[in-house]
PDB file of N, CA and C in Angstrom:
ATOM      1  N   UNK A   1     111.377 107.968 114.687  1.00  0.00           N
ATOM      2  CA  UNK A   1     110.796 107.364 115.874  1.00  0.00           C
ATOM      3  C   UNK A   1     109.500 106.693 115.459  1.00  0.00           C
ATOM      4  N   UNK A   2     109.375 105.412 115.704  1.00  0.00           N
ATOM      5  CA  UNK A   2     108.141 104.683 115.418  1.00  0.00           C
ATOM      6  C   UNK A   2     107.628 104.087 116.717  1.00  0.00           C
ATOM      7  N   UNK A   3     106.356 104.320 116.987  1.00  0.00           N
ATOM      8  CA  UNK A   3     105.731 103.799 118.197  1.00  0.00           C
ATOM      9  C   UNK A   3     104.531 102.974 117.773  1.00  0.00           C
ATOM     10  N   UNK A   4     104.523 101.714 118.148  1.00  0.00           N
ATOM     11  CA  UNK A   4     103.392 100.842 117.834  1.00  0.00           C
ATOM     12  C   UNK A   4     102.249 101.109 118.804  1.00  0.00           C
ATOM     13  N   UNK A   5     101.037 100.812 118.376  1.00  0.00           N
ATOM     14  CA  UNK A   5      99.862 101.056 119.197  1.00  0.00           C
ATOM     15  C   UNK A   5      99.882 100.357 120.536  1.00  0.00           C
ATOM     16  N   UNK A   6     100.548  99.229 120.628  1.00  0.00           N
ATOM     17  CA  UNK A   6     100.556  98.461 121.873  1.00  0.00           C
ATOM     18  C   UNK A   6     101.726  98.831 122.790  1.00  0.00           C
ATOM     19  N   UNK A   7     102.603  99.709 122.334  1.00  0.00           N
ATOM     20  CA  UNK A   7     103.791 100.052 123.110  1.00  0.00           C
ATOM     21  C   UNK A   7     103.508 101.128 124.153  1.00  0.00           C
ATOM     22  N   UNK A   8     104.231 101.039 125.236  1.00  0.00           N
ATOM     23  CA  UNK A   8     104.260 102.095 126.243  1.00  0.00           C
ATOM     24  C   UNK A   8     105.687 102.613 126.248  1.00  0.00           C
ATOM     25  N   UNK A   9     105.841 103.922 126.052  1.00  0.00           N
ATOM     26  CA  UNK A   9     107.188 104.487 125.995  1.00  0.00           C
ATOM     27  C   UNK A   9     107.330 105.595 127.030  1.00  0.00           C
ATOM     28  N   UNK A  10     108.555 105.990 127.248  1.00  0.00           N
ATOM     29  CA  UNK A  10     108.858 107.096 128.151  1.00  0.00           C
ATOM     30  C   UNK A  10     109.808 108.039 127.424  1.00  0.00           C
ATOM     31  N   UNK A  11     109.551 109.316 127.524  1.00  0.00           N
ATOM     32  CA  UNK A  11     110.434 110.331 126.946  1.00  0.00           C
ATOM     33  C   UNK A  11     111.171 110.984 128.114  1.00  0.00           C
ATOM     34  N   UNK A  12     112.487 110.825 128.153  1.00  0.00           N
ATOM     35  CA  UNK A  12     113.278 111.376 129.254  1.00  0.00           C
ATOM     36  C   UNK A  12     114.428 112.212 128.697  1.00  0.00           C
ATOM     37  N   UNK A  13     114.885 113.149 129.482  1.00  0.00           N
ATOM     38  CA  UNK A  13     116.015 113.977 129.084  1.00  0.00           C
ATOM     39  C   UNK A  13     116.105 115.187 129.983  1.00  0.00           C
ATOM     40  N   UNK A  14     117.231 115.886 129.901  1.00  0.00           N
ATOM     41  CA  UNK A  14     117.409 117.067 130.745  1.00  0.00           C
ATOM     42  C   UNK A  14     116.488 118.206 130.315  1.00  0.00           C
ATOM     43  N   UNK A  15     116.342 119.173 131.186  1.00  0.00           N
ATOM     44  CA  UNK A  15     115.544 120.358 130.899  1.00  0.00           C
ATOM     45  C   UNK A  15     116.047 121.021 129.615  1.00  0.00           C
ATOM     46  N   UNK A  16     115.128 121.376 128.743  1.00  0.00           N
ATOM     47  CA  UNK A  16     115.498 122.049 127.503  1.00  0.00           C
ATOM     48  C   UNK A  16     115.876 121.134 126.362  1.00  0.00           C
ATOM     49  N   UNK A  17     115.755 119.823 126.549  1.00  0.00           N
ATOM     50  CA  UNK A  17     116.182 118.890 125.501  1.00  0.00           C
ATOM     51  C   UNK A  17     115.111 118.618 124.448  1.00  0.00           C
ATOM     52  N   UNK A  18     113.900 119.160 124.632  1.00  0.00           N
ATOM     53  CA  UNK A  18     112.869 119.006 123.611  1.00  0.00           C
ATOM     54  C   UNK A  18     111.762 118.025 123.940  1.00  0.00           C
ATOM     55  N   UNK A  19     111.701 117.546 125.173  1.00  0.00           N
ATOM     56  CA  UNK A  19     110.657 116.573 125.551  1.00  0.00           C
ATOM     57  C   UNK A  19     109.258 117.141 125.341  1.00  0.00           C
ATOM     58  N   UNK A  20     109.021 118.337 125.842  1.00  0.00           N
ATOM     59  CA  UNK A  20     107.693 118.944 125.724  1.00  0.00           C
ATOM     60  C   UNK A  20     107.367 119.238 124.271  1.00  0.00           C
ATOM     61  N   UNK A  21     108.335 119.727 123.524  1.00  0.00           N
ATOM     62  CA  UNK A  21     108.115 119.992 122.100  1.00  0.00           C
ATOM     63  C   UNK A  21     107.737 118.709 121.374  1.00  0.00           C
ATOM     64  N   UNK A  22     108.465 117.635 121.635  1.00  0.00           N
ATOM     65  CA  UNK A  22     108.156 116.351 121.007  1.00  0.00           C
ATOM     66  C   UNK A  22     106.753 115.888 121.366  1.00  0.00           C
ATOM     67  N   UNK A  23     106.397 115.970 122.635  1.00  0.00           N
ATOM     68  CA  UNK A  23     105.067 115.526 123.059  1.00  0.00           C
ATOM     69  C   UNK A  23     103.967 116.397 122.448  1.00  0.00           C
ATOM     70  N   UNK A  24     104.198 117.696 122.355  1.00  0.00           N
ATOM     71  CA  UNK A  24     103.209 118.578 121.736  1.00  0.00           C
ATOM     72  C   UNK A  24     103.044 118.286 120.250  1.00  0.00           C
ATOM     73  N   UNK A  25     104.121 117.897 119.589  1.00  0.00           N
ATOM     74  CA  UNK A  25     104.026 117.516 118.179  1.00  0.00           C
ATOM     75  C   UNK A  25     103.290 116.191 118.023  1.00  0.00           C
ATOM     76  N   UNK A  26     103.674 115.192 118.810  1.00  0.00           N
ATOM     77  CA  UNK A  26     103.006 113.887 118.745  1.00  0.00           C
ATOM     78  C   UNK A  26     101.526 114.025 119.078  1.00  0.00           C
ATOM     79  N   UNK A  27     101.211 114.905 120.013  1.00  0.00           N
ATOM     80  CA  UNK A  27      99.820 115.109 120.418  1.00  0.00           C
ATOM     81  C   UNK A  27      99.037 116.041 119.522  1.00  0.00           C
ATOM     82  N   UNK A  28      99.658 116.495 118.444  1.00  0.00           N
ATOM     83  CA  UNK A  28      99.011 117.416 117.489  1.00  0.00           C
ATOM     84  C   UNK A  28      98.586 118.714 118.161  1.00  0.00           C
ATOM     85  N   UNK A  29      99.294 119.119 119.191  1.00  0.00           N
ATOM     86  CA  UNK A  29      99.023 120.394 119.855  1.00  0.00           C
ATOM     87  C   UNK A  29      99.819 121.519 119.211  1.00  0.00           C
ATOM     88  N   UNK A  30     100.999 121.196 118.678  1.00  0.00           N
ATOM     89  CA  UNK A  30     101.829 122.150 117.942  1.00  0.00           C
ATOM     90  C   UNK A  30     101.920 121.693 116.495  1.00  0.00           C
ATOM     91  N   UNK A  31     102.147 122.636 115.598  1.00  0.00           N
ATOM     92  CA  UNK A  31     102.278 122.338 114.167  1.00  0.00           C
ATOM     93  C   UNK A  31     103.717 121.959 113.832  1.00  0.00           C
ATOM     94  N   UNK A  32     103.858 120.989 112.948  1.00  0.00           N
ATOM     95  CA  UNK A  32     105.157 120.595 112.416  1.00  0.00           C
ATOM     96  C   UNK A  32     105.610 121.689 111.450  1.00  0.00           C
ATOM     97  N   UNK A  33     106.829 122.203 111.621  1.00  0.00           N
ATOM     98  CA  UNK A  33     107.321 123.262 110.735  1.00  0.00           C
ATOM     99  C   UNK A  33     108.338 122.748 109.724  1.00  0.00           C
ATOM    100  N   UNK A  34     109.057 121.690 110.071  1.00  0.00           N
ATOM    101  CA  UNK A  34     109.972 121.054 109.126  1.00  0.00           C
ATOM    102  C   UNK A  34     109.864 119.553 109.320  1.00  0.00           C
ATOM    103  N   UNK A  35     110.219 118.810 108.294  1.00  0.00           N
ATOM    104  CA  UNK A  35     110.134 117.360 108.381  1.00  0.00           C
ATOM    105  C   UNK A  35     108.696 116.890 108.273  1.00  0.00           C
ATOM    106  N   UNK A  36     108.435 115.702 108.778  1.00  0.00           N
ATOM    107  CA  UNK A  36     107.077 115.159 108.699  1.00  0.00           C
ATOM    108  C   UNK A  36     106.744 114.406 109.973  1.00  0.00           C
ATOM    109  N   UNK A  37     105.456 114.273 110.205  1.00  0.00           N
ATOM    110  CA  UNK A  37     104.953 113.518 111.348  1.00  0.00           C
ATOM    111  C   UNK A  37     103.726 112.762 110.886  1.00  0.00           C
ATOM    112  N   UNK A  38     103.778 111.458 110.996  1.00  0.00           N
ATOM    113  CA  UNK A  38     102.638 110.629 110.617  1.00  0.00           C
ATOM    114  C   UNK A  38     102.070 109.945 111.843  1.00  0.00           C
ATOM    115  N   UNK A  39     100.764 109.979 111.940  1.00  0.00           N
ATOM    116  CA  UNK A  39     100.047 109.208 112.949  1.00  0.00           C
ATOM    117  C   UNK A  39      99.139 108.286 112.164  1.00  0.00           C
ATOM    118  N   UNK A  40      99.446 106.992 112.231  1.00  0.00           N
ATOM    119  CA  UNK A  40      98.771 106.050 111.345  1.00  0.00           C
ATOM    120  C   UNK A  40      99.178 106.373 109.921  1.00  0.00           C
ATOM    121  N   UNK A  41      98.200 106.539 109.059  1.00  0.00           N
ATOM    122  CA  UNK A  41      98.472 106.891 107.662  1.00  0.00           C
ATOM    123  C   UNK A  41      98.363 108.390 107.410  1.00  0.00           C
ATOM    124  N   UNK A  42      98.152 109.164 108.454  1.00  0.00           N
ATOM    125  CA  UNK A  42      97.918 110.600 108.309  1.00  0.00           C
ATOM    126  C   UNK A  42      99.190 111.407 108.500  1.00  0.00           C
ATOM    127  N   UNK A  43      99.528 112.230 107.508  1.00  0.00           N
ATOM    128  CA  UNK A  43     100.605 113.203 107.651  1.00  0.00           C
ATOM    129  C   UNK A  43      99.989 114.425 108.309  1.00  0.00           C
ATOM    130  N   UNK A  44     100.206 114.582 109.601  1.00  0.00           N
ATOM    131  CA  UNK A  44      99.483 115.598 110.366  1.00  0.00           C
ATOM    132  C   UNK A  44      99.844 117.027 109.974  1.00  0.00           C
ATOM    133  N   UNK A  45     101.005 117.236 109.352  1.00  0.00           N
ATOM    134  CA  UNK A  45     101.392 118.590 108.950  1.00  0.00           C
ATOM    135  C   UNK A  45     100.433 119.168 107.917  1.00  0.00           C
ATOM    136  N   UNK A  46      99.779 118.306 107.157  1.00  0.00           N
ATOM    137  CA  UNK A  46      98.902 118.779 106.082  1.00  0.00           C
ATOM    138  C   UNK A  46      97.423 118.788 106.467  1.00  0.00           C
ATOM    139  N   UNK A  47      97.097 118.459 107.710  1.00  0.00           N
ATOM    140  CA  UNK A  47      95.694 118.333 108.101  1.00  0.00           C
ATOM    141  C   UNK A  47      95.118 119.633 108.641  1.00  0.00           C
ATOM    142  N   UNK A  48      93.817 119.790 108.443  1.00  0.00           N
ATOM    143  CA  UNK A  48      93.079 120.917 109.007  1.00  0.00           C
ATOM    144  C   UNK A  48      92.817 120.645 110.489  1.00  0.00           C
ATOM    145  N   UNK A  49      92.473 121.683 111.239  1.00  0.00           N
ATOM    146  CA  UNK A  49      92.247 121.554 112.682  1.00  0.00           C
ATOM    147  C   UNK A  49      91.161 120.532 113.004  1.00  0.00           C
ATOM    148  N   UNK A  50      90.077 120.483 112.229  1.00  0.00           N
ATOM    149  CA  UNK A  50      88.996 119.524 112.497  1.00  0.00           C
ATOM    150  C   UNK A  50      89.516 118.087 112.415  1.00  0.00           C
ATOM    151  N   UNK A  51      90.432 117.828 111.479  1.00  0.00           N
ATOM    152  CA  UNK A  51      91.013 116.490 111.349  1.00  0.00           C
ATOM    153  C   UNK A  51      91.974 116.194 112.492  1.00  0.00           C
ATOM    154  N   UNK A  52      92.707 117.208 112.946  1.00  0.00           N
ATOM    155  CA  UNK A  52      93.597 117.027 114.096  1.00  0.00           C
ATOM    156  C   UNK A  52      92.797 116.730 115.355  1.00  0.00           C
ATOM    157  N   UNK A  53      91.656 117.385 115.496  1.00  0.00           N
ATOM    158  CA  UNK A  53      90.782 117.120 116.640  1.00  0.00           C
ATOM    159  C   UNK A  53      90.348 115.666 116.637  1.00  0.00           C
ATOM    160  N   UNK A  54      89.967 115.158 115.483  1.00  0.00           N
ATOM    161  CA  UNK A  54      89.534 113.758 115.381  1.00  0.00           C
ATOM    162  C   UNK A  54      90.671 112.804 115.722  1.00  0.00           C
ATOM    163  N   UNK A  55      91.876 113.103 115.248  1.00  0.00           N
ATOM    164  CA  UNK A  55      93.027 112.247 115.560  1.00  0.00           C
ATOM    165  C   UNK A  55      93.300 112.252 117.056  1.00  0.00           C
ATOM    166  N   UNK A  56      93.292 113.442 117.671  1.00  0.00           N
ATOM    167  CA  UNK A  56      93.515 113.511 119.126  1.00  0.00           C
ATOM    168  C   UNK A  56      92.442 112.734 119.872  1.00  0.00           C
ATOM    169  N   UNK A  57      91.208 112.908 119.477  1.00  0.00           N
ATOM    170  CA  UNK A  57      90.089 112.275 120.175  1.00  0.00           C
ATOM    171  C   UNK A  57      90.140 110.753 120.053  1.00  0.00           C
ATOM    172  N   UNK A  58      90.516 110.249 118.894  1.00  0.00           N
ATOM    173  CA  UNK A  58      90.417 108.816 118.628  1.00  0.00           C
ATOM    174  C   UNK A  58      91.714 108.046 118.846  1.00  0.00           C
ATOM    175  N   UNK A  59      92.856 108.723 118.876  1.00  0.00           N
ATOM    176  CA  UNK A  59      94.127 107.995 118.882  1.00  0.00           C
ATOM    177  C   UNK A  59      95.105 108.360 119.986  1.00  0.00           C
ATOM    178  N   UNK A  60      94.874 109.478 120.668  1.00  0.00           N
ATOM    179  CA  UNK A  60      95.895 109.984 121.579  1.00  0.00           C
ATOM    180  C   UNK A  60      95.294 110.215 122.956  1.00  0.00           C
ATOM    181  N   UNK A  61      96.017 109.805 123.983  1.00  0.00           N
ATOM    182  CA  UNK A  61      95.602 110.082 125.354  1.00  0.00           C
ATOM    183  C   UNK A  61      96.637 110.961 126.024  1.00  0.00           C
ATOM    184  N   UNK A  62      96.183 111.890 126.834  1.00  0.00           N
ATOM    185  CA  UNK A  62      97.081 112.825 127.503  1.00  0.00           C
ATOM    186  C   UNK A  62      96.931 112.721 129.008  1.00  0.00           C
ATOM    187  N   UNK A  63      98.044 112.816 129.695  1.00  0.00           N
ATOM    188  CA  UNK A  63      98.049 113.083 131.130  1.00  0.00           C
ATOM    189  C   UNK A  63      99.013 114.248 131.301  1.00  0.00           C
ATOM    190  N   UNK A  64      98.465 115.423 131.572  1.00  0.00           N
ATOM    191  CA  UNK A  64      99.272 116.627 131.688  1.00  0.00           C
ATOM    192  C   UNK A  64      99.863 116.735 133.093  1.00  0.00           C
ATOM    193  N   UNK A  65     100.934 117.531 133.210  1.00  0.00           N
ATOM    194  CA  UNK A  65     101.515 117.772 134.529  1.00  0.00           C
ATOM    195  C   UNK A  65     100.475 118.383 135.455  1.00  0.00           C
ATOM    196  N   UNK A  66      99.723 119.320 134.939  1.00  0.00           N
ATOM    197  CA  UNK A  66      98.551 119.843 135.655  1.00  0.00           C
ATOM    198  C   UNK A  66      97.381 119.081 135.058  1.00  0.00           C
ATOM    199  N   UNK A  67      96.734 118.298 135.852  1.00  0.00           N
ATOM    200  CA  UNK A  67      95.822 117.281 135.341  1.00  0.00           C
ATOM    201  C   UNK A  67      94.577 117.808 134.647  1.00  0.00           C
ATOM    202  N   UNK A  68      94.185 119.055 134.886  1.00  0.00           N
ATOM    203  CA  UNK A  68      93.003 119.629 134.247  1.00  0.00           C
ATOM    204  C   UNK A  68      91.763 118.772 134.467  1.00  0.00           C
ATOM    205  N   UNK A  69      91.612 118.276 135.676  1.00  0.00           N
ATOM    206  CA  UNK A  69      90.442 117.483 136.028  1.00  0.00           C
ATOM    207  C   UNK A  69      89.318 118.401 136.475  1.00  0.00           C
ATOM    208  N   UNK A  70      88.105 117.924 136.366  1.00  0.00           N
ATOM    209  CA  UNK A  70      86.965 118.652 136.903  1.00  0.00           C
ATOM    210  C   UNK A  70      86.977 118.401 138.406  1.00  0.00           C
ATOM    211  N   UNK A  71      87.173 119.438 139.211  1.00  0.00           N
ATOM    212  CA  UNK A  71      87.432 119.238 140.644  1.00  0.00           C
ATOM    213  C   UNK A  71      86.282 118.606 141.416  1.00  0.00           C
ATOM    214  N   UNK A  72      85.062 118.718 140.922  1.00  0.00           N
ATOM    215  CA  UNK A  72      83.925 118.136 141.643  1.00  0.00           C
ATOM    216  C   UNK A  72      83.729 116.660 141.323  1.00  0.00           C
ATOM    217  N   UNK A  73      84.527 116.122 140.393  1.00  0.00           N
ATOM    218  CA  UNK A  73      84.437 114.706 140.033  1.00  0.00           C
ATOM    219  C   UNK A  73      85.654 113.959 140.564  1.00  0.00           C
ATOM    220  N   UNK A  74      85.488 112.660 140.782  1.00  0.00           N
ATOM    221  CA  UNK A  74      86.635 111.826 141.140  1.00  0.00           C
ATOM    222  C   UNK A  74      87.488 111.625 139.891  1.00  0.00           C
ATOM    223  N   UNK A  75      88.700 111.118 140.062  1.00  0.00           N
ATOM    224  CA  UNK A  75      89.554 110.821 138.914  1.00  0.00           C
ATOM    225  C   UNK A  75      88.839 109.844 137.988  1.00  0.00           C
ATOM    226  N   UNK A  76      88.240 108.808 138.580  1.00  0.00           N
ATOM    227  CA  UNK A  76      87.516 107.817 137.776  1.00  0.00           C
ATOM    228  C   UNK A  76      86.400 108.479 136.968  1.00  0.00           C
ATOM    229  N   UNK A  77      85.641 109.363 137.599  1.00  0.00           N
ATOM    230  CA  UNK A  77      84.551 110.046 136.900  1.00  0.00           C
ATOM    231  C   UNK A  77      85.088 110.941 135.782  1.00  0.00           C
ATOM    232  N   UNK A  78      86.236 111.563 136.001  1.00  0.00           N
ATOM    233  CA  UNK A  78      86.859 112.358 134.945  1.00  0.00           C
ATOM    234  C   UNK A  78      87.224 111.487 133.750  1.00  0.00           C
ATOM    235  N   UNK A  79      87.795 110.316 134.002  1.00  0.00           N
ATOM    236  CA  UNK A  79      88.151 109.391 132.923  1.00  0.00           C
ATOM    237  C   UNK A  79      86.897 108.886 132.226  1.00  0.00           C
ATOM    238  N   UNK A  80      85.881 108.525 133.001  1.00  0.00           N
ATOM    239  CA  UNK A  80      84.634 108.039 132.415  1.00  0.00           C
ATOM    240  C   UNK A  80      83.973 109.114 131.557  1.00  0.00           C
ATOM    241  N   UNK A  81      84.063 110.360 131.984  1.00  0.00           N
ATOM    242  CA  UNK A  81      83.501 111.457 131.206  1.00  0.00           C
ATOM    243  C   UNK A  81      84.190 111.558 129.844  1.00  0.00           C
ATOM    244  N   UNK A  82      85.508 111.455 129.846  1.00  0.00           N
ATOM    245  CA  UNK A  82      86.247 111.496 128.582  1.00  0.00           C
ATOM    246  C   UNK A  82      85.858 110.325 127.687  1.00  0.00           C
ATOM    247  N   UNK A  83      85.691 109.142 128.269  1.00  0.00           N
ATOM    248  CA  UNK A  83      85.290 107.973 127.485  1.00  0.00           C
ATOM    249  C   UNK A  83      83.872 108.118 126.957  1.00  0.00           C
ATOM    250  N   UNK A  84      83.005 108.736 127.735  1.00  0.00           N
ATOM    251  CA  UNK A  84      81.609 108.897 127.322  1.00  0.00           C
ATOM    252  C   UNK A  84      81.496 109.773 126.086  1.00  0.00           C
ATOM    253  N   UNK A  85      82.416 110.726 125.924  1.00  0.00           N
ATOM    254  CA  UNK A  85      82.343 111.594 124.746  1.00  0.00           C
ATOM    255  C   UNK A  85      82.576 110.816 123.462  1.00  0.00           C
ATOM    256  N   UNK A  86      83.142 109.640 123.565  1.00  0.00           N
ATOM    257  CA  UNK A  86      83.336 108.803 122.385  1.00  0.00           C
ATOM    258  C   UNK A  86      82.033 108.153 121.928  1.00  0.00           C
ATOM    259  N   UNK A  87      81.017 108.141 122.790  1.00  0.00           N
ATOM    260  CA  UNK A  87      79.782 107.421 122.484  1.00  0.00           C
ATOM    261  C   UNK A  87      78.576 108.325 122.259  1.00  0.00           C
ATOM    262  N   UNK A  88      78.745 109.621 122.452  1.00  0.00           N
ATOM    263  CA  UNK A  88      77.571 110.487 122.376  1.00  0.00           C
ATOM    264  C   UNK A  88      77.220 110.846 120.941  1.00  0.00           C
ATOM    265  N   UNK A  89      76.003 111.345 120.788  1.00  0.00           N
ATOM    266  CA  UNK A  89      75.553 111.827 119.491  1.00  0.00           C
ATOM    267  C   UNK A  89      75.606 113.341 119.495  1.00  0.00           C
ATOM    268  N   UNK A  90      75.473 113.931 118.352  1.00  0.00           N
ATOM    269  CA  UNK A  90      75.633 115.376 118.223  1.00  0.00           C
ATOM    270  C   UNK A  90      74.411 115.962 117.537  1.00  0.00           C
ATOM    271  N   UNK A  91      74.004 117.128 117.983  1.00  0.00           N
ATOM    272  CA  UNK A  91      72.908 117.827 117.328  1.00  0.00           C
ATOM    273  C   UNK A  91      73.469 118.696 116.214  1.00  0.00           C
ATOM    274  N   UNK A  92      72.928 118.513 115.021  1.00  0.00           N
ATOM    275  CA  UNK A  92      73.357 119.306 113.880  1.00  0.00           C
ATOM    276  C   UNK A  92      72.111 119.776 113.153  1.00  0.00           C
ATOM    277  N   UNK A  93      71.951 121.067 112.989  1.00  0.00           N
ATOM    278  CA  UNK A  93      70.767 121.640 112.344  1.00  0.00           C
ATOM    279  C   UNK A  93      69.484 121.163 112.998  1.00  0.00           C
ATOM    280  N   UNK A  94      69.513 121.013 114.330  1.00  0.00           N
ATOM    281  CA  UNK A  94      68.312 120.623 115.060  1.00  0.00           C
ATOM    282  C   UNK A  94      67.973 119.155 114.972  1.00  0.00           C
ATOM    283  N   UNK A  95      68.804 118.359 114.311  1.00  0.00           N
ATOM    284  CA  UNK A  95      68.542 116.925 114.171  1.00  0.00           C
ATOM    285  C   UNK A  95      69.622 116.139 114.904  1.00  0.00           C
ATOM    286  N   UNK A  96      69.240 114.997 115.439  1.00  0.00           N
ATOM    287  CA  UNK A  96      70.204 114.123 116.099  1.00  0.00           C
ATOM    288  C   UNK A  96      70.967 113.371 115.017  1.00  0.00           C
ATOM    289  N   UNK A  97      72.292 113.476 115.060  1.00  0.00           N
ATOM    290  CA  UNK A  97      73.145 112.868 114.047  1.00  0.00           C
ATOM    291  C   UNK A  97      74.188 112.010 114.756  1.00  0.00           C
ATOM    292  N   UNK A  98      74.405 110.757 114.303  1.00  0.00           N
ATOM    293  CA  UNK A  98      75.490 109.965 114.904  1.00  0.00           C
ATOM    294  C   UNK A  98      76.808 110.719 114.749  1.00  0.00           C
ATOM    295  N   UNK A  99      77.667 110.637 115.762  1.00  0.00           N
ATOM    296  CA  UNK A  99      78.901 111.416 115.734  1.00  0.00           C
ATOM    297  C   UNK A  99      79.759 111.101 114.519  1.00  0.00           C
ATOM    298  N   UNK A 100      79.683 109.875 113.985  1.00  0.00           N
ATOM    299  CA  UNK A 100      80.496 109.502 112.832  1.00  0.00           C
ATOM    300  C   UNK A 100      80.134 110.331 111.606  1.00  0.00           C
ATOM    301  N   UNK A 101      78.909 110.856 111.586  1.00  0.00           N
ATOM    302  CA  UNK A 101      78.449 111.599 110.416  1.00  0.00           C
ATOM    303  C   UNK A 101      78.433 113.100 110.647  1.00  0.00           C
ATOM    304  N   UNK A 102      78.936 113.540 111.762  1.00  0.00           N
ATOM    305  CA  UNK A 102      78.889 114.963 112.073  1.00  0.00           C
ATOM    306  C   UNK A 102      80.285 115.563 112.037  1.00  0.00           C
ATOM    307  N   UNK A 103      80.528 116.452 111.090  1.00  0.00           N
ATOM    308  CA  UNK A 103      81.815 117.137 111.018  1.00  0.00           C
ATOM    309  C   UNK A 103      81.974 118.152 112.135  1.00  0.00           C
ATOM    310  N   UNK A 104      80.887 118.501 112.799  1.00  0.00           N
ATOM    311  CA  UNK A 104      80.945 119.492 113.862  1.00  0.00           C
ATOM    312  C   UNK A 104      81.267 118.874 115.209  1.00  0.00           C
ATOM    313  N   UNK A 105      81.316 117.549 115.280  1.00  0.00           N
ATOM    314  CA  UNK A 105      81.542 116.885 116.564  1.00  0.00           C
ATOM    315  C   UNK A 105      82.956 117.146 117.045  1.00  0.00           C
ATOM    316  N   UNK A 106      83.087 117.692 118.214  1.00  0.00           N
ATOM    317  CA  UNK A 106      84.403 117.930 118.821  1.00  0.00           C
ATOM    318  C   UNK A 106      84.505 117.026 119.996  1.00  0.00           C
TER     319      UNK A 106
END
């Protein structure tokens, strides 16, 4: 299965056919146990959790069945909050560090 960055796809099938498993693998939420899964040039089966976090943050968007929104915010504010995390800086050892240089940035 190859999905280009500009494509919009739909995963459909009967209950128990593996839709959730596939989405959890593509989203790097579950570990690949056999075969391989590449996102861009990254073979995600061999990556550490910190690298998977970066891939999820920078390349993957989720809309869960249960939306997991902050109830006191509007939907728009929830989306804006997620986008804002892409622009923030991180404190490391008491110093302000650009997120690109901080391995601790989640």
